[in-house]
Amino acid sequence: MDAKNFLSDEYTFYKPKNKQSSSKRVCITISKQTKLLEEEYKNILGIQPNRSQIYSSYLKTLLNKLKNRTE
């Protein structure tokens, strides 16, 4: 009876990634007020808001304000 190596390529079912991702998935908790605003956005425009774009845009604006304040 042969012992089987379950860590060998025959038994592993994943592909190693060759490239690095430019994004990272994170989990956040949003307030009820924020969720209601997202629903209002969806009702008006008919599409879900892109949280990543909104967050990125807000951070850029905030950083620019901070930089301008220190100059």
PDB file of N, CA and C in Angstrom:
ATOM      1  N   MET A   1       0.844  -1.182   0.000  1.00  0.00           N
ATOM      2  CA  MET A   1       0.000   0.000   0.000  1.00  0.00           C
ATOM      3  C   MET A   1       0.889   1.246   0.000  1.00  0.00           C
ATOM      4  N   ASP A   2       0.719   2.071  -0.997  1.00  0.00           N
ATOM      5  CA  ASP A   2       1.530   3.277  -1.135  1.00  0.00           C
ATOM      6  C   ASP A   2       0.917   4.426  -0.342  1.00  0.00           C
ATOM      7  N   ALA A   3       1.766   5.160   0.330  1.00  0.00           N
ATOM      8  CA  ALA A   3       1.299   6.366   1.025  1.00  0.00           C
ATOM      9  C   ALA A   3       1.132   7.465  -0.016  1.00  0.00           C
ATOM     10  N   LYS A   4       0.045   8.226   0.086  1.00  0.00           N
ATOM     11  CA  LYS A   4      -0.211   9.299  -0.874  1.00  0.00           C
ATOM     12  C   LYS A   4       0.172  10.635  -0.268  1.00  0.00           C
ATOM     13  N   ASN A   5       0.828  11.432  -1.054  1.00  0.00           N
ATOM     14  CA  ASN A   5       1.206  12.769  -0.623  1.00  0.00           C
ATOM     15  C   ASN A   5       0.109  13.732  -1.068  1.00  0.00           C
ATOM     16  N   PHE A   6      -0.735  14.149  -0.126  1.00  0.00           N
ATOM     17  CA  PHE A   6      -1.863  15.011  -0.463  1.00  0.00           C
ATOM     18  C   PHE A   6      -1.439  16.446  -0.757  1.00  0.00           C
ATOM     19  N   LEU A   7      -0.179  16.768  -0.560  1.00  0.00           N
ATOM     20  CA  LEU A   7       0.318  18.096  -0.899  1.00  0.00           C
ATOM     21  C   LEU A   7       0.962  18.123  -2.277  1.00  0.00           C
ATOM     22  N   SER A   8       0.963  16.982  -2.961  1.00  0.00           N
ATOM     23  CA  SER A   8       1.558  16.943  -4.297  1.00  0.00           C
ATOM     24  C   SER A   8       0.645  17.663  -5.289  1.00  0.00           C
ATOM     25  N   ASP A   9       1.189  17.935  -6.479  1.00  0.00           N
ATOM     26  CA  ASP A   9       0.424  18.636  -7.515  1.00  0.00           C
ATOM     27  C   ASP A   9      -0.852  17.892  -7.895  1.00  0.00           C
ATOM     28  N   GLU A  10      -0.837  16.585  -7.752  1.00  0.00           N
ATOM     29  CA  GLU A  10      -1.999  15.780  -8.111  1.00  0.00           C
ATOM     30  C   GLU A  10      -3.209  16.113  -7.239  1.00  0.00           C
ATOM     31  N   TYR A  11      -2.984  16.515  -6.000  1.00  0.00           N
ATOM     32  CA  TYR A  11      -4.085  16.740  -5.066  1.00  0.00           C
ATOM     33  C   TYR A  11      -4.312  18.203  -4.701  1.00  0.00           C
ATOM     34  N   THR A  12      -3.508  19.089  -5.209  1.00  0.00           N
ATOM     35  CA  THR A  12      -3.735  20.507  -4.915  1.00  0.00           C
ATOM     36  C   THR A  12      -4.514  21.131  -6.054  1.00  0.00           C
ATOM     37  N   PHE A  13      -5.527  21.898  -5.709  1.00  0.00           N
ATOM     38  CA  PHE A  13      -6.444  22.438  -6.708  1.00  0.00           C
ATOM     39  C   PHE A  13      -6.431  23.960  -6.692  1.00  0.00           C
ATOM     40  N   TYR A  14      -5.291  24.538  -6.815  1.00  0.00           N
ATOM     41  CA  TYR A  14      -5.189  25.995  -6.891  1.00  0.00           C
ATOM     42  C   TYR A  14      -4.104  26.338  -7.889  1.00  0.00           C
ATOM     43  N   LYS A  15      -4.230  27.515  -8.435  1.00  0.00           N
ATOM     44  CA  LYS A  15      -3.203  28.008  -9.351  1.00  0.00           C
ATOM     45  C   LYS A  15      -2.450  29.121  -8.656  1.00  0.00           C
ATOM     46  N   PRO A  16      -1.153  29.028  -8.596  1.00  0.00           N
ATOM     47  CA  PRO A  16      -0.401  30.145  -8.016  1.00  0.00           C
ATOM     48  C   PRO A  16      -0.531  31.368  -8.916  1.00  0.00           C
ATOM     49  N   LYS A  17      -0.673  32.528  -8.310  1.00  0.00           N
ATOM     50  CA  LYS A  17      -0.805  33.760  -9.082  1.00  0.00           C
ATOM     51  C   LYS A  17       0.580  34.256  -9.467  1.00  0.00           C
ATOM     52  N   ASN A  18       0.728  34.580 -10.730  1.00  0.00           N
ATOM     53  CA  ASN A  18       2.006  35.075 -11.225  1.00  0.00           C
ATOM     54  C   ASN A  18       2.100  36.587 -11.182  1.00  0.00           C
ATOM     55  N   LYS A  19       0.966  37.251 -11.122  1.00  0.00           N
ATOM     56  CA  LYS A  19       0.987  38.709 -11.103  1.00  0.00           C
ATOM     57  C   LYS A  19       0.387  39.212  -9.798  1.00  0.00           C
ATOM     58  N   GLN A  20       0.810  40.377  -9.404  1.00  0.00           N
ATOM     59  CA  GLN A  20       0.275  40.965  -8.187  1.00  0.00           C
ATOM     60  C   GLN A  20      -0.963  41.764  -8.530  1.00  0.00           C
ATOM     61  N   SER A  21      -1.944  41.713  -7.673  1.00  0.00           N
ATOM     62  CA  SER A  21      -3.184  42.441  -7.889  1.00  0.00           C
ATOM     63  C   SER A  21      -2.993  43.909  -7.537  1.00  0.00           C
ATOM     64  N   SER A  22      -3.687  44.763  -8.270  1.00  0.00           N
ATOM     65  CA  SER A  22      -3.611  46.195  -7.977  1.00  0.00           C
ATOM     66  C   SER A  22      -4.692  46.611  -6.986  1.00  0.00           C
ATOM     67  N   SER A  23      -5.444  45.647  -6.509  1.00  0.00           N
ATOM     68  CA  SER A  23      -6.479  45.957  -5.525  1.00  0.00           C
ATOM     69  C   SER A  23      -6.425  44.940  -4.393  1.00  0.00           C
ATOM     70  N   LYS A  24      -7.074  45.280  -3.307  1.00  0.00           N
ATOM     71  CA  LYS A  24      -7.112  44.401  -2.148  1.00  0.00           C
ATOM     72  C   LYS A  24      -8.529  44.405  -1.606  1.00  0.00           C
ATOM     73  N   ARG A  25      -9.095  43.241  -1.406  1.00  0.00           N
ATOM     74  CA  ARG A  25     -10.456  43.126  -0.897  1.00  0.00           C
ATOM     75  C   ARG A  25     -10.433  43.288   0.620  1.00  0.00           C
ATOM     76  N   VAL A  26     -11.276  44.187   1.113  1.00  0.00           N
ATOM     77  CA  VAL A  26     -11.387  44.406   2.550  1.00  0.00           C
ATOM     78  C   VAL A  26     -12.858  44.410   2.939  1.00  0.00           C
ATOM     79  N   CYS A  27     -13.109  44.157   4.175  1.00  0.00           N
ATOM     80  CA  CYS A  27     -14.474  44.163   4.686  1.00  0.00           C
ATOM     81  C   CYS A  27     -14.633  45.373   5.601  1.00  0.00           C
ATOM     82  N   ILE A  28     -15.672  46.176   5.343  1.00  0.00           N
ATOM     83  CA  ILE A  28     -15.925  47.338   6.187  1.00  0.00           C
ATOM     84  C   ILE A  28     -17.367  47.298   6.674  1.00  0.00           C
ATOM     85  N   THR A  29     -17.617  47.973   7.757  1.00  0.00           N
ATOM     86  CA  THR A  29     -18.971  48.130   8.263  1.00  0.00           C
ATOM     87  C   THR A  29     -19.410  49.544   7.951  1.00  0.00           C
ATOM     88  N   ILE A  30     -20.590  49.662   7.335  1.00  0.00           N
ATOM     89  CA  ILE A  30     -21.099  50.989   7.017  1.00  0.00           C
ATOM     90  C   ILE A  30     -22.318  51.279   7.882  1.00  0.00           C
ATOM     91  N   SER A  31     -22.541  52.551   8.132  1.00  0.00           N
ATOM     92  CA  SER A  31     -23.670  52.948   8.971  1.00  0.00           C
ATOM     93  C   SER A  31     -24.977  52.801   8.203  1.00  0.00           C
ATOM     94  N   LYS A  32     -26.073  52.780   8.945  1.00  0.00           N
ATOM     95  CA  LYS A  32     -27.393  52.700   8.330  1.00  0.00           C
ATOM     96  C   LYS A  32     -27.633  53.930   7.456  1.00  0.00           C
ATOM     97  N   GLN A  33     -27.167  55.091   7.910  1.00  0.00           N
ATOM     98  CA  GLN A  33     -27.326  56.330   7.152  1.00  0.00           C
ATOM     99  C   GLN A  33     -26.611  56.227   5.798  1.00  0.00           C
ATOM    100  N   THR A  34     -25.420  55.659   5.796  1.00  0.00           N
ATOM    101  CA  THR A  34     -24.669  55.485   4.550  1.00  0.00           C
ATOM    102  C   THR A  34     -25.394  54.523   3.620  1.00  0.00           C
ATOM    103  N   LYS A  35     -25.929  53.449   4.175  1.00  0.00           N
ATOM    104  CA  LYS A  35     -26.671  52.476   3.366  1.00  0.00           C
ATOM    105  C   LYS A  35     -27.907  53.124   2.750  1.00  0.00           C
ATOM    106  N   LEU A  36     -28.594  53.977   3.506  1.00  0.00           N
ATOM    107  CA  LEU A  36     -29.764  54.679   2.972  1.00  0.00           C
ATOM    108  C   LEU A  36     -29.361  55.625   1.843  1.00  0.00           C
ATOM    109  N   LEU A  37     -28.215  56.293   1.991  1.00  0.00           N
ATOM    110  CA  LEU A  37     -27.719  57.168   0.931  1.00  0.00           C
ATOM    111  C   LEU A  37     -27.381  56.365  -0.325  1.00  0.00           C
ATOM    112  N   GLU A  38     -26.809  55.178  -0.149  1.00  0.00           N
ATOM    113  CA  GLU A  38     -26.503  54.316  -1.292  1.00  0.00           C
ATOM    114  C   GLU A  38     -27.784  53.889  -2.004  1.00  0.00           C
ATOM    115  N   GLU A  39     -28.827  53.577  -1.229  1.00  0.00           N
ATOM    116  CA  GLU A  39     -30.101  53.187  -1.822  1.00  0.00           C
ATOM    117  C   GLU A  39     -30.722  54.351  -2.587  1.00  0.00           C
ATOM    118  N   GLU A  40     -30.613  55.560  -2.043  1.00  0.00           N
ATOM    119  CA  GLU A  40     -31.124  56.747  -2.725  1.00  0.00           C
ATOM    120  C   GLU A  40     -30.368  56.963  -4.038  1.00  0.00           C
ATOM    121  N   TYR A  41     -29.058  56.808  -3.996  1.00  0.00           N
ATOM    122  CA  TYR A  41     -28.213  56.920  -5.190  1.00  0.00           C
ATOM    123  C   TYR A  41     -28.679  55.923  -6.251  1.00  0.00           C
ATOM    124  N   LYS A  42     -28.905  54.674  -5.814  1.00  0.00           N
ATOM    125  CA  LYS A  42     -29.334  53.623  -6.742  1.00  0.00           C
ATOM    126  C   LYS A  42     -30.709  53.938  -7.324  1.00  0.00           C
ATOM    127  N   ASN A  43     -31.615  54.459  -6.505  1.00  0.00           N
ATOM    128  CA  ASN A  43     -32.960  54.781  -6.988  1.00  0.00           C
ATOM    129  C   ASN A  43     -32.932  55.904  -8.023  1.00  0.00           C
ATOM    130  N   ILE A  44     -32.049  56.874  -7.834  1.00  0.00           N
ATOM    131  CA  ILE A  44     -31.972  58.009  -8.757  1.00  0.00           C
ATOM    132  C   ILE A  44     -31.264  57.625 -10.054  1.00  0.00           C
ATOM    133  N   LEU A  45     -30.110  56.962  -9.934  1.00  0.00           N
ATOM    134  CA  LEU A  45     -29.297  56.660 -11.115  1.00  0.00           C
ATOM    135  C   LEU A  45     -29.536  55.274 -11.709  1.00  0.00           C
ATOM    136  N   GLY A  46     -30.138  54.390 -10.920  1.00  0.00           N
ATOM    137  CA  GLY A  46     -30.408  53.043 -11.413  1.00  0.00           C
ATOM    138  C   GLY A  46     -29.230  52.090 -11.343  1.00  0.00           C
ATOM    139  N   ILE A  47     -28.120  52.525 -10.731  1.00  0.00           N
ATOM    140  CA  ILE A  47     -26.946  51.660 -10.580  1.00  0.00           C
ATOM    141  C   ILE A  47     -26.401  51.783  -9.161  1.00  0.00           C
ATOM    142  N   GLN A  48     -25.713  50.730  -8.733  1.00  0.00           N
ATOM    143  CA  GLN A  48     -25.073  50.754  -7.414  1.00  0.00           C
ATOM    144  C   GLN A  48     -23.887  51.711  -7.437  1.00  0.00           C
ATOM    145  N   PRO A  49     -23.678  52.470  -6.367  1.00  0.00           N
ATOM    146  CA  PRO A  49     -22.489  53.321  -6.316  1.00  0.00           C
ATOM    147  C   PRO A  49     -21.231  52.466  -6.184  1.00  0.00           C
ATOM    148  N   ASN A  50     -20.151  52.926  -6.772  1.00  0.00           N
ATOM    149  CA  ASN A  50     -18.873  52.228  -6.685  1.00  0.00           C
ATOM    150  C   ASN A  50     -18.149  52.743  -5.439  1.00  0.00           C
ATOM    151  N   ARG A  51     -18.200  51.963  -4.373  1.00  0.00           N
ATOM    152  CA  ARG A  51     -17.610  52.393  -3.095  1.00  0.00           C
ATOM    153  C   ARG A  51     -16.124  52.681  -3.221  1.00  0.00           C
ATOM    154  N   SER A  52     -15.433  51.881  -3.983  1.00  0.00           N
ATOM    155  CA  SER A  52     -13.992  52.064  -4.138  1.00  0.00           C
ATOM    156  C   SER A  52     -13.679  53.420  -4.755  1.00  0.00           C
ATOM    157  N   GLN A  53     -14.405  53.785  -5.809  1.00  0.00           N
ATOM    158  CA  GLN A  53     -14.175  55.077  -6.458  1.00  0.00           C
ATOM    159  C   GLN A  53     -14.537  56.232  -5.533  1.00  0.00           C
ATOM    160  N   ILE A  54     -15.639  56.092  -4.812  1.00  0.00           N
ATOM    161  CA  ILE A  54     -16.071  57.149  -3.893  1.00  0.00           C
ATOM    162  C   ILE A  54     -15.032  57.336  -2.795  1.00  0.00           C
ATOM    163  N   TYR A  55     -14.581  56.249  -2.204  1.00  0.00           N
ATOM    164  CA  TYR A  55     -13.602  56.305  -1.122  1.00  0.00           C
ATOM    165  C   TYR A  55     -12.282  56.893  -1.611  1.00  0.00           C
ATOM    166  N   SER A  56     -11.839  56.441  -2.781  1.00  0.00           N
ATOM    167  CA  SER A  56     -10.592  56.946  -3.354  1.00  0.00           C
ATOM    168  C   SER A  56     -10.688  58.443  -3.638  1.00  0.00           C
ATOM    169  N   SER A  57     -11.794  58.865  -4.222  1.00  0.00           N
ATOM    170  CA  SER A  57     -11.996  60.283  -4.534  1.00  0.00           C
ATOM    171  C   SER A  57     -12.013  61.125  -3.262  1.00  0.00           C
ATOM    172  N   TYR A  58     -12.696  60.627  -2.234  1.00  0.00           N
ATOM    173  CA  TYR A  58     -12.769  61.356  -0.968  1.00  0.00           C
ATOM    174  C   TYR A  58     -11.381  61.491  -0.339  1.00  0.00           C
ATOM    175  N   LEU A  59     -10.611  60.412  -0.338  1.00  0.00           N
ATOM    176  CA  LEU A  59      -9.266  60.464   0.241  1.00  0.00           C
ATOM    177  C   LEU A  59      -8.371  61.445  -0.508  1.00  0.00           C
ATOM    178  N   LYS A  60      -8.467  61.454  -1.839  1.00  0.00           N
ATOM    179  CA  LYS A  60      -7.674  62.396  -2.633  1.00  0.00           C
ATOM    180  C   LYS A  60      -8.046  63.836  -2.288  1.00  0.00           C
ATOM    181  N   THR A  61      -9.348  64.109  -2.185  1.00  0.00           N
ATOM    182  CA  THR A  61      -9.818  65.451  -1.835  1.00  0.00           C
ATOM    183  C   THR A  61      -9.330  65.846  -0.449  1.00  0.00           C
ATOM    184  N   LEU A  62      -9.451  64.938   0.498  1.00  0.00           N
ATOM    185  CA  LEU A  62      -9.020  65.202   1.868  1.00  0.00           C
ATOM    186  C   LEU A  62      -7.517  65.470   1.928  1.00  0.00           C
ATOM    187  N   LEU A  63      -6.735  64.660   1.239  1.00  0.00           N
ATOM    188  CA  LEU A  63      -5.280  64.855   1.221  1.00  0.00           C
ATOM    189  C   LEU A  63      -4.903  66.183   0.576  1.00  0.00           C
ATOM    190  N   ASN A  64      -5.579  66.552  -0.501  1.00  0.00           N
ATOM    191  CA  ASN A  64      -5.307  67.840  -1.146  1.00  0.00           C
ATOM    192  C   ASN A  64      -5.613  69.003  -0.208  1.00  0.00           C
ATOM    193  N   LYS A  65      -6.708  68.897   0.540  1.00  0.00           N
ATOM    194  CA  LYS A  65      -7.057  69.949   1.503  1.00  0.00           C
ATOM    195  C   LYS A  65      -5.991  70.054   2.588  1.00  0.00           C
ATOM    196  N   LEU A  66      -5.516  68.918   3.056  1.00  0.00           N
ATOM    197  CA  LEU A  66      -4.483  68.922   4.092  1.00  0.00           C
ATOM    198  C   LEU A  66      -3.174  69.495   3.565  1.00  0.00           C
ATOM    199  N   LYS A  67      -2.809  69.147   2.345  1.00  0.00           N
ATOM    200  CA  LYS A  67      -1.583  69.676   1.745  1.00  0.00           C
ATOM    201  C   LYS A  67      -1.679  71.181   1.555  1.00  0.00           C
ATOM    202  N   ASN A  68      -2.817  71.658   1.082  1.00  0.00           N
ATOM    203  CA  ASN A  68      -3.005  73.096   0.860  1.00  0.00           C
ATOM    204  C   ASN A  68      -2.995  73.878   2.171  1.00  0.00           C
ATOM    205  N   ARG A  69      -3.447  73.260   3.220  1.00  0.00           N
ATOM    206  CA  ARG A  69      -3.485  73.916   4.529  1.00  0.00           C
ATOM    207  C   ARG A  69      -2.082  74.091   5.103  1.00  0.00           C
ATOM    208  N   THR A  70      -1.190  73.157   4.772  1.00  0.00           N
ATOM    209  CA  THR A  70       0.175  73.229   5.313  1.00  0.00           C
ATOM    210  C   THR A  70       1.090  74.106   4.471  1.00  0.00           C
ATOM    211  N   GLU A  71       0.659  74.481   3.276  1.00  0.00           N
ATOM    212  CA  GLU A  71       1.508  75.312   2.402  1.00  0.00           C
ATOM    213  C   GLU A  71       1.336  76.777   2.702  1.00  0.00           C
TER     214      GLU A  71
END
